[in-house]
Amino acid sequence: MQQRLAVLCAALALGFTACSKPDGDAKQGAGGPPPAEVAVVTVTRGDSALTREFPGQVTAFRTAEVRAQVEGILQQRLYAEGGEVRAGQQLFQIDPRTLRANLASAKADLARLQASADIARATLKRYGQLVGDQGVSQQEYDQAQSSLKQAEAQVQAAAAAVDRAQIDLEHAAVAAPIAGRIGRALVSEGALVGKGEATHLATIEQLDPIYVDFNQSANDLLRLRQQLKSGKLGAADGLPVEIILPDGSVYPHTGKLLFSEQTVDPATGTLVVRAQFPNPDRLLMPGVFVTARSAQGTLSGAVRVPQRAVQSSPQGQFVYVVDKDSKVAPQPVKTAGFSGKDWLIGEGLKGGETVIVEGIQKVRPGAPVKPVPFGASQAAAQGASQPAASAVAAKK
C-alpha cells in the first residue's frame, strides 16, 4: 500500500510539473511587464541663488491714528468704514460753534489791544515833541515808551491767540493725515471727544506698498558674511524676495530687501530684516504670518535638482539615477541648501546625470525604466485630463 501511494504522489508531481511548463514558457514569451515610466531631468551646473526661508509677518507701510485734537461733540462721520481715503479728506465733523465763538472772542481782544497800542504810539509821539521844550519830563517820556512796548507785546499775544483759535476751528473738521484704507469708527456720533485727551477716532493703514518683517538668526548671518568674505558665496544684491502665503501658494509679486536691524534680540538671538512688496490687489493684510524666501548669496557652478527628487534614508540623502542602459541606481548626495524650490547638491552629482523626479515609488535598484522628460510628463498628464473632461461634458 505504501508503495502504491509513493507511485501515485510521484505521478501527480510529474503531472503538475508538466502542466506548469507551458505557463512558464508563455510568460517568457510575453517578456514580462513593461518598464515603469518615470519623469527625469538632466542636471546641469550653473550659477544659482542660495535661498533661505524665514517666518515673517506683514506690516502696513504707514499707520496713522486719527485723533480728535479739540474738545467738542462729534456730529458726523463722513467716510465709509473699510474704504479707501485720500490724504486731507474730511472724516469727522466736531461741533464748531464753541470754537467759532472762541475765535470771535480772540479777534475782539486783538482789536481792543491794537487800539490801546495805537493810543500808546500816539502818546509817545506827542511826548517826543514836548520833552525837548520841557513840556514833559524825561521820566514821563520813558514811561510812554514802556507803555507802547507793553501794548505791542499784548497785540502779538492776542494775534497768536487768534491763530490758535483759528487752528482749533479747522481741527473741528477732522481730516485724514495719510492716504490708505480706514477701519471702523471707534467713536459714534453724539459722543464728547477731546475732553482732556486726544480721543482715538479711527485708524488708517497704507497697504500699497507693504512691508514684511522676518527674523534671521545672528549666527546664520555671521556665517553668511564669512562665506561672502571668503568668496565661497557671491553677493546677492538685487536678487528678489518671495513670499509663501499661509495656503502654501507663492505671492505673485516679488519684493526687495530694505534693511536689517543692527541690534540682536538677546532673548531670541535674531535680528529683524524688512522687505517691501507691491500690494495692488490688497491681498496682503497687516498681521498675516507668511514665509519669506530670501536669497542669501549666489553659488557658481552649482548643481540643482527638484526638491522631490531627493530621498532620505537612515544612511543619508540620495537620488535615483538612470544610466545609459535605462536602469536605476541610487546615488548618495549631500545637499548644500535651497535655491527656490530646488535642492542645491554639494556632493554626489557632477552634472549630466539623469535623475528621476516622478515615479520614484515604482522603481527599484537595477530595474529598467522608461524615462521621459519631467516637463513633458506633466504636459501629457494635463492633455489627457482635458479630453476626459470634454467627454464628461458631452455626456451631460
Protein backbone atom coordinates (compact mmCIF):
# COMPACT_ATOMS: atom_id res chain seq x y z
CA MET A 1 0.00 0.00 0.00
CA GLN A 2 2.78 2.42 0.84
CA GLN A 3 4.47 1.65 -2.47
CA ARG A 4 1.24 2.48 -4.34
CA LEU A 5 0.95 5.86 -2.54
CA ALA A 6 4.53 6.68 -3.36
CA VAL A 7 3.99 5.88 -7.03
CA LEU A 8 0.78 7.98 -7.08
CA CYS A 9 2.44 11.01 -5.49
CA ALA A 10 5.29 10.77 -7.97
CA ALA A 11 2.85 10.62 -10.86
CA LEU A 12 0.93 13.66 -9.59
CA ALA A 13 4.15 15.60 -9.15
CA LEU A 14 5.15 14.79 -12.72
CA GLY A 15 1.70 15.86 -13.91
CA PHE A 16 1.86 19.22 -12.15
CA THR A 17 5.32 19.77 -13.49
CA ALA A 18 4.23 19.03 -16.99
CA CYS A 19 1.19 21.31 -16.69
CA SER A 20 3.24 24.17 -15.31
CA LYS A 21 5.83 24.24 -18.11
CA PRO A 22 3.57 25.75 -20.81
CA ASP A 23 2.64 28.66 -18.43
CA GLY A 24 6.28 29.42 -17.75
CA ASP A 25 7.05 29.29 -21.44
CA ALA A 26 4.14 31.64 -22.09
CA LYS A 27 5.46 34.16 -19.54
CA GLN A 28 8.88 34.06 -21.03
CA GLY A 29 7.42 34.56 -24.49
CA ALA A 30 5.41 37.59 -23.35
CA GLY A 31 8.56 39.21 -21.99
CA GLY A 32 7.11 40.22 -18.56
CA PRO A 33 5.62 43.64 -17.61
CA PRO A 34 6.88 46.74 -19.48
CA PRO A 35 9.39 49.05 -17.78
CA ALA A 36 7.88 51.65 -15.47
CA GLU A 37 7.61 55.15 -16.92
CA VAL A 38 9.39 57.81 -14.84
CA ALA A 39 9.87 61.57 -15.24
CA VAL A 40 13.52 62.62 -15.27
CA VAL A 41 15.68 65.71 -15.52
CA THR A 42 19.24 66.04 -16.71
CA VAL A 43 21.16 68.01 -14.11
CA THR A 44 23.49 70.79 -15.18
CA ARG A 45 25.91 73.14 -13.48
CA GLY A 46 25.33 76.88 -13.29
CA ASP A 47 25.07 79.91 -11.04
CA SER A 48 22.22 79.55 -8.54
CA ALA A 49 20.94 81.69 -5.73
CA LEU A 50 21.21 80.17 -2.26
CA THR A 51 17.87 80.88 -0.61
CA ARG A 52 16.56 80.53 2.92
CA GLU A 53 13.03 80.59 4.25
CA PHE A 54 12.09 82.63 7.32
CA PRO A 55 8.83 83.10 9.20
CA GLY A 56 7.62 86.65 8.74
CA GLN A 57 4.69 88.95 9.40
CA VAL A 58 3.03 91.55 7.18
CA THR A 59 3.01 95.14 8.46
CA ALA A 60 1.47 98.26 6.94
CA PHE A 61 3.64 100.69 5.00
CA ARG A 62 2.25 103.55 7.11
CA THR A 63 -0.17 103.59 10.01
CA ALA A 64 -1.86 106.74 11.32
CA GLU A 65 -4.25 107.07 14.22
CA VAL A 66 -6.94 109.68 13.58
CA ARG A 67 -7.50 111.58 16.84
CA ALA A 68 -9.64 114.48 17.99
CA GLN A 69 -7.38 117.48 18.64
CA VAL A 70 -10.13 119.73 20.05
CA GLU A 71 -12.91 119.24 22.57
CA GLY A 72 -16.48 119.01 21.37
CA ILE A 73 -19.45 116.84 20.43
CA LEU A 74 -18.87 114.53 17.45
CA GLN A 75 -21.57 115.49 14.96
CA GLN A 76 -20.95 113.36 11.88
CA ARG A 77 -18.86 110.59 10.30
CA LEU A 78 -18.14 111.43 6.66
CA TYR A 79 -16.48 108.25 5.28
CA ALA A 80 -17.39 104.64 4.52
CA GLU A 81 -15.86 102.26 7.05
CA GLY A 82 -13.32 99.89 5.49
CA GLY A 83 -12.90 102.02 2.38
CA GLU A 84 -10.04 103.94 0.83
CA VAL A 85 -9.47 107.56 1.81
CA ARG A 86 -7.13 110.20 0.40
CA ALA A 87 -4.82 112.46 2.38
CA GLY A 88 -6.65 115.58 3.52
CA GLN A 89 -10.13 114.09 3.11
CA GLN A 90 -12.53 115.11 5.89
CA LEU A 91 -13.50 112.12 8.03
CA PHE A 92 -15.41 113.55 11.03
CA GLN A 93 -17.09 116.80 11.98
CA ILE A 94 -16.93 118.09 15.55
CA ASP A 95 -19.44 120.74 16.68
CA PRO A 96 -17.69 124.01 15.69
CA ARG A 97 -19.96 126.53 17.44
CA THR A 98 -17.94 126.91 20.62
CA LEU A 99 -14.72 127.03 18.65
CA ARG A 100 -16.16 129.67 16.33
CA ALA A 101 -17.16 131.75 19.34
CA ASN A 102 -13.65 131.40 20.79
CA LEU A 103 -12.22 132.70 17.51
CA ALA A 104 -14.55 135.69 17.53
CA SER A 105 -13.59 136.50 21.13
CA ALA A 106 -9.89 136.26 20.30
CA LYS A 107 -10.33 138.61 17.34
CA ALA A 108 -12.18 141.11 19.57
CA ASP A 109 -9.35 141.04 22.11
CA LEU A 110 -6.88 141.61 19.33
CA ALA A 111 -8.81 144.65 18.06
CA ARG A 112 -9.04 146.14 21.59
CA LEU A 113 -5.34 145.71 22.21
CA GLN A 114 -4.47 147.13 18.80
CA ALA A 115 -6.48 150.25 19.72
CA SER A 116 -4.61 150.54 23.00
CA ALA A 117 -1.33 150.19 21.15
CA ASP A 118 -2.37 153.00 18.76
CA ILE A 119 -3.06 155.31 21.71
CA ALA A 120 0.27 154.44 23.30
CA ARG A 121 2.02 155.10 20.00
CA ALA A 122 0.36 158.49 19.60
CA THR A 123 1.14 159.43 23.21
CA LEU A 124 4.81 158.57 22.73
CA LYS A 125 4.94 160.69 19.57
CA ARG A 126 3.42 163.69 21.34
CA TYR A 127 5.71 163.31 24.33
CA GLY A 128 8.65 163.16 21.97
CA GLN A 129 7.79 166.66 20.73
CA LEU A 130 7.29 168.08 24.22
CA VAL A 131 10.26 166.61 26.04
CA GLY A 132 12.64 168.94 24.20
CA ASP A 133 10.66 172.03 25.24
CA GLN A 134 10.44 170.84 28.82
CA GLY A 135 6.70 170.29 28.34
CA VAL A 136 7.01 166.78 29.85
CA SER A 137 9.70 165.25 31.98
CA GLN A 138 12.13 162.62 30.73
CA GLN A 139 10.53 160.15 33.15
CA GLU A 140 7.11 160.62 31.58
CA TYR A 141 8.63 160.11 28.13
CA ASP A 142 10.32 156.88 29.25
CA GLN A 143 7.06 155.61 30.73
CA ALA A 144 5.31 156.32 27.43
CA GLN A 145 7.95 154.26 25.60
CA SER A 146 7.47 151.37 28.03
CA SER A 147 3.69 151.55 27.69
CA LEU A 148 3.96 151.30 23.91
CA LYS A 149 6.22 148.22 24.10
CA GLN A 150 3.81 146.54 26.51
CA ALA A 151 0.87 147.32 24.22
CA GLU A 152 2.69 145.91 21.19
CA ALA A 153 3.57 142.72 23.12
CA GLN A 154 -0.08 142.32 24.09
CA VAL A 155 -1.07 142.73 20.44
CA GLN A 156 1.34 139.96 19.45
CA ALA A 157 -0.05 137.66 22.15
CA ALA A 158 -3.60 138.40 21.02
CA ALA A 159 -2.65 137.69 17.40
CA ALA A 160 -1.22 134.34 18.47
CA ALA A 161 -4.46 133.60 20.32
CA VAL A 162 -6.40 134.33 17.13
CA ASP A 163 -4.16 131.94 15.17
CA ARG A 164 -4.63 129.25 17.82
CA ALA A 165 -8.42 129.71 17.80
CA GLN A 166 -8.40 129.52 14.00
CA ILE A 167 -6.41 126.26 14.09
CA ASP A 168 -8.80 124.81 16.67
CA LEU A 169 -11.75 125.69 14.44
CA GLU A 170 -10.05 123.97 11.49
CA HIS A 171 -9.43 120.88 13.64
CA ALA A 172 -13.18 120.57 14.15
CA ALA A 173 -13.19 119.17 10.60
CA VAL A 174 -11.06 116.08 11.26
CA ALA A 175 -9.06 115.17 8.11
CA ALA A 176 -7.09 112.10 7.05
CA PRO A 177 -3.35 112.59 7.68
CA ILE A 178 -2.37 109.95 5.06
CA ALA A 179 -3.96 108.06 2.19
CA GLY A 180 -4.92 104.44 2.74
CA ARG A 181 -7.61 102.08 3.95
CA ILE A 182 -9.52 103.22 7.03
CA GLY A 183 -11.09 100.93 9.59
CA ARG A 184 -14.25 101.20 11.64
CA ALA A 185 -15.09 104.32 13.61
CA LEU A 186 -14.15 103.90 17.27
CA VAL A 187 -16.49 106.67 18.45
CA SER A 188 -20.10 107.22 17.41
CA GLU A 189 -21.91 110.48 16.72
CA GLY A 190 -23.05 112.39 19.80
CA ALA A 191 -20.04 111.44 21.92
CA LEU A 192 -17.90 114.04 23.66
CA VAL A 193 -14.36 113.84 22.30
CA GLY A 194 -11.13 115.59 23.14
CA LYS A 195 -12.00 116.09 26.82
CA GLY A 196 -8.57 116.05 28.45
CA GLU A 197 -7.15 113.69 25.80
CA ALA A 198 -6.84 113.27 22.05
CA THR A 199 -9.65 110.75 21.54
CA HIS A 200 -8.81 107.93 19.09
CA LEU A 201 -11.43 108.09 16.34
CA ALA A 202 -10.16 105.65 13.65
CA THR A 203 -7.01 104.12 12.15
CA ILE A 204 -5.71 104.45 8.59
CA GLU A 205 -3.23 101.97 7.09
CA GLN A 206 -1.39 102.41 3.81
CA LEU A 207 -1.27 98.96 2.19
CA ASP A 208 0.43 99.56 -1.16
CA PRO A 209 3.35 99.07 -0.98
CA ILE A 210 3.53 96.92 2.15
CA TYR A 211 6.24 95.59 4.45
CA VAL A 212 7.13 92.05 5.52
CA ASP A 213 9.33 91.76 8.60
CA PHE A 214 11.11 88.47 9.33
CA ASN A 215 13.70 87.31 11.83
CA GLN A 216 17.09 85.96 10.85
CA SER A 217 19.47 84.16 13.18
CA ALA A 218 22.51 86.24 14.09
CA ASN A 219 24.71 83.13 13.86
CA ASP A 220 23.46 82.37 10.33
CA LEU A 221 24.06 85.96 9.30
CA LEU A 222 27.62 85.85 10.69
CA ARG A 223 28.30 82.57 8.84
CA LEU A 224 26.88 84.07 5.65
CA ARG A 225 29.11 87.13 5.88
CA GLN A 226 32.15 84.94 6.42
CA GLN A 227 31.28 82.88 3.32
CA LEU A 228 30.83 86.06 1.31
CA LYS A 229 34.18 87.40 2.55
CA SER A 230 35.99 84.13 1.71
CA GLY A 231 34.49 84.01 -1.79
CA LYS A 232 32.51 80.80 -1.28
CA LEU A 233 29.36 82.78 -1.99
CA GLY A 234 28.73 85.65 -4.36
CA ALA A 235 26.83 88.74 -3.27
CA ALA A 236 23.06 88.54 -3.58
CA ASP A 237 22.46 92.27 -4.02
CA GLY A 238 19.45 92.97 -6.19
CA LEU A 239 18.02 89.43 -6.01
CA PRO A 240 14.27 89.43 -5.32
CA VAL A 241 12.48 88.21 -2.22
CA GLU A 242 9.48 85.88 -2.44
CA ILE A 243 6.56 85.27 -0.10
CA ILE A 244 4.81 81.96 0.55
CA LEU A 245 1.23 82.62 1.68
CA PRO A 246 -0.45 80.69 4.52
CA ASP A 247 -2.23 78.43 1.99
CA GLY A 248 1.12 77.35 0.50
CA SER A 249 0.84 79.39 -2.70
CA VAL A 250 3.54 81.82 -3.82
CA TYR A 251 2.65 85.52 -3.76
CA PRO A 252 2.56 86.73 -7.40
CA HIS A 253 4.75 89.81 -6.79
CA THR A 254 8.40 89.78 -5.76
CA GLY A 255 9.86 92.25 -3.28
CA LYS A 256 13.17 93.77 -2.34
CA LEU A 257 15.20 93.87 0.87
CA LEU A 258 15.32 97.28 2.54
CA PHE A 259 17.47 96.87 5.64
CA SER A 260 18.29 94.69 8.62
CA GLU A 261 18.50 95.97 12.15
CA GLN A 262 21.92 96.20 13.75
CA THR A 263 20.75 95.14 17.21
CA VAL A 264 20.27 91.45 18.04
CA ASP A 265 17.40 90.48 20.30
CA PRO A 266 19.13 88.85 23.30
CA ALA A 267 16.08 86.70 24.05
CA THR A 268 15.90 85.05 20.60
CA GLY A 269 19.36 85.65 19.11
CA THR A 270 17.77 87.07 15.95
CA LEU A 271 17.53 90.40 14.22
CA VAL A 272 14.70 91.87 12.15
CA VAL A 273 15.00 92.09 8.36
CA ARG A 274 12.47 94.15 6.38
CA ALA A 275 11.38 93.66 2.78
CA GLN A 276 8.99 95.74 0.70
CA PHE A 277 6.38 94.31 -1.69
CA PRO A 278 3.82 95.80 -4.07
CA ASN A 279 0.26 95.10 -2.97
CA PRO A 280 -2.04 96.46 -5.70
CA ASP A 281 -4.81 93.92 -5.04
CA ARG A 282 -4.62 94.31 -1.23
CA LEU A 283 -4.02 90.56 -0.98
CA LEU A 284 -1.52 91.04 1.87
CA MET A 285 -3.08 92.30 5.10
CA PRO A 286 -1.23 93.58 8.18
CA GLY A 287 -0.79 90.94 10.86
CA VAL A 288 -0.82 87.92 8.50
CA PHE A 289 2.00 85.42 9.06
CA VAL A 290 3.84 84.39 5.89
CA THR A 291 7.08 82.67 4.90
CA ALA A 292 9.72 84.86 3.30
CA ARG A 293 12.12 83.24 0.84
CA SER A 294 15.24 85.39 0.60
CA ALA A 295 18.41 84.98 -1.46
CA GLN A 296 21.48 84.79 0.77
CA GLY A 297 24.09 84.66 -1.99
CA THR A 298 24.97 83.03 -5.29
CA LEU A 299 26.82 79.74 -5.80
CA SER A 300 28.81 79.41 -9.01
CA GLY A 301 28.86 76.04 -10.77
CA ALA A 302 26.14 74.65 -8.52
CA VAL A 303 24.06 71.55 -9.29
CA ARG A 304 20.36 71.83 -8.52
CA VAL A 305 17.58 69.25 -8.69
CA PRO A 306 13.85 69.45 -7.92
CA GLN A 307 13.08 69.00 -4.25
CA ARG A 308 11.00 65.85 -4.77
CA ALA A 309 13.96 64.07 -6.43
CA VAL A 310 15.96 63.94 -3.17
CA GLN A 311 15.10 60.99 -0.91
CA SER A 312 16.17 60.28 2.67
CA SER A 313 17.15 57.07 4.39
CA PRO A 314 18.88 56.13 7.66
CA GLN A 315 22.14 56.16 5.69
CA GLY A 316 21.58 59.71 4.39
CA GLN A 317 20.18 61.50 1.35
CA PHE A 318 20.19 60.02 -2.16
CA VAL A 319 18.69 60.33 -5.63
CA TYR A 320 17.80 57.71 -8.23
CA VAL A 321 19.93 57.96 -11.36
CA VAL A 322 19.09 56.34 -14.71
CA ASP A 323 22.18 55.00 -16.53
CA LYS A 324 22.74 54.66 -20.27
CA ASP A 325 21.02 51.24 -20.22
CA SER A 326 17.87 52.85 -18.67
CA LYS A 327 18.47 51.04 -15.39
CA VAL A 328 18.01 52.62 -11.97
CA ALA A 329 20.78 53.09 -9.43
CA PRO A 330 20.70 55.02 -6.12
CA GLN A 331 23.28 57.80 -5.85
CA PRO A 332 24.18 59.21 -2.38
CA VAL A 333 24.23 63.04 -2.29
CA LYS A 334 24.78 65.86 0.19
CA THR A 335 22.62 68.95 -0.11
CA ALA A 336 24.01 72.47 0.33
CA GLY A 337 20.75 74.36 0.78
CA PHE A 338 17.81 75.51 -1.27
CA SER A 339 17.53 77.58 -4.43
CA GLY A 340 13.87 78.44 -4.56
CA LYS A 341 12.02 75.10 -4.65
CA ASP A 342 15.10 73.12 -5.72
CA TRP A 343 17.83 71.46 -3.70
CA LEU A 344 21.40 72.57 -4.26
CA ILE A 345 23.66 69.47 -4.39
CA GLY A 346 27.02 69.93 -2.69
CA GLU A 347 28.35 66.39 -3.23
CA GLY A 348 27.32 63.33 -5.26
CA LEU A 349 26.42 64.81 -8.66
CA LYS A 350 28.81 66.36 -11.17
CA GLY A 351 26.32 67.41 -13.86
CA GLY A 352 24.97 65.50 -16.82
CA GLU A 353 23.31 62.73 -14.77
CA THR A 354 19.70 61.75 -15.44
CA VAL A 355 17.79 61.95 -12.14
CA ILE A 356 14.29 60.61 -11.50
CA VAL A 357 11.83 63.23 -10.28
CA GLU A 358 8.45 61.47 -10.52
CA GLY A 359 7.56 57.78 -10.38
CA ILE A 360 10.12 57.01 -7.68
CA GLN A 361 7.68 54.73 -5.90
CA LYS A 362 7.55 52.47 -8.98
CA VAL A 363 11.30 51.80 -9.31
CA ARG A 364 13.81 49.54 -7.62
CA PRO A 365 17.61 49.46 -7.97
CA GLY A 366 18.78 47.63 -11.09
CA ALA A 367 15.34 47.56 -12.71
CA PRO A 368 14.86 49.02 -16.21
CA VAL A 369 12.64 52.10 -16.61
CA LYS A 370 11.23 54.23 -19.40
CA PRO A 371 12.50 57.79 -18.82
CA VAL A 372 10.51 60.77 -20.13
CA PRO A 373 11.34 64.48 -19.63
CA PHE A 374 9.85 65.92 -16.45
CA GLY A 375 8.04 68.80 -18.14
CA ALA A 376 6.74 66.59 -20.93
CA SER A 377 5.17 64.16 -18.46
CA GLN A 378 3.24 66.97 -16.78
CA ALA A 379 2.03 68.33 -20.13
CA ALA A 380 0.91 64.85 -21.20
CA ALA A 381 -1.00 64.37 -17.96
CA GLN A 382 -2.79 67.70 -18.45
CA GLY A 383 -3.56 66.86 -22.08
CA ALA A 384 -5.03 63.51 -21.06
CA SER A 385 -7.26 65.11 -18.44
CA GLN A 386 -8.74 67.68 -20.86
CA PRO A 387 -10.26 65.14 -23.32
CA ALA A 388 -11.69 63.22 -20.38
CA ALA A 389 -13.33 66.38 -19.07
CA SER A 390 -14.67 67.15 -22.56
CA ALA A 391 -16.18 63.66 -22.82
CA VAL A 392 -17.94 64.09 -19.48
CA ALA A 393 -19.28 67.47 -20.58
CA ALA A 394 -20.52 65.94 -23.86
CA LYS A 395 -22.42 63.23 -21.99
CA LYS A 396 -24.12 65.84 -19.85
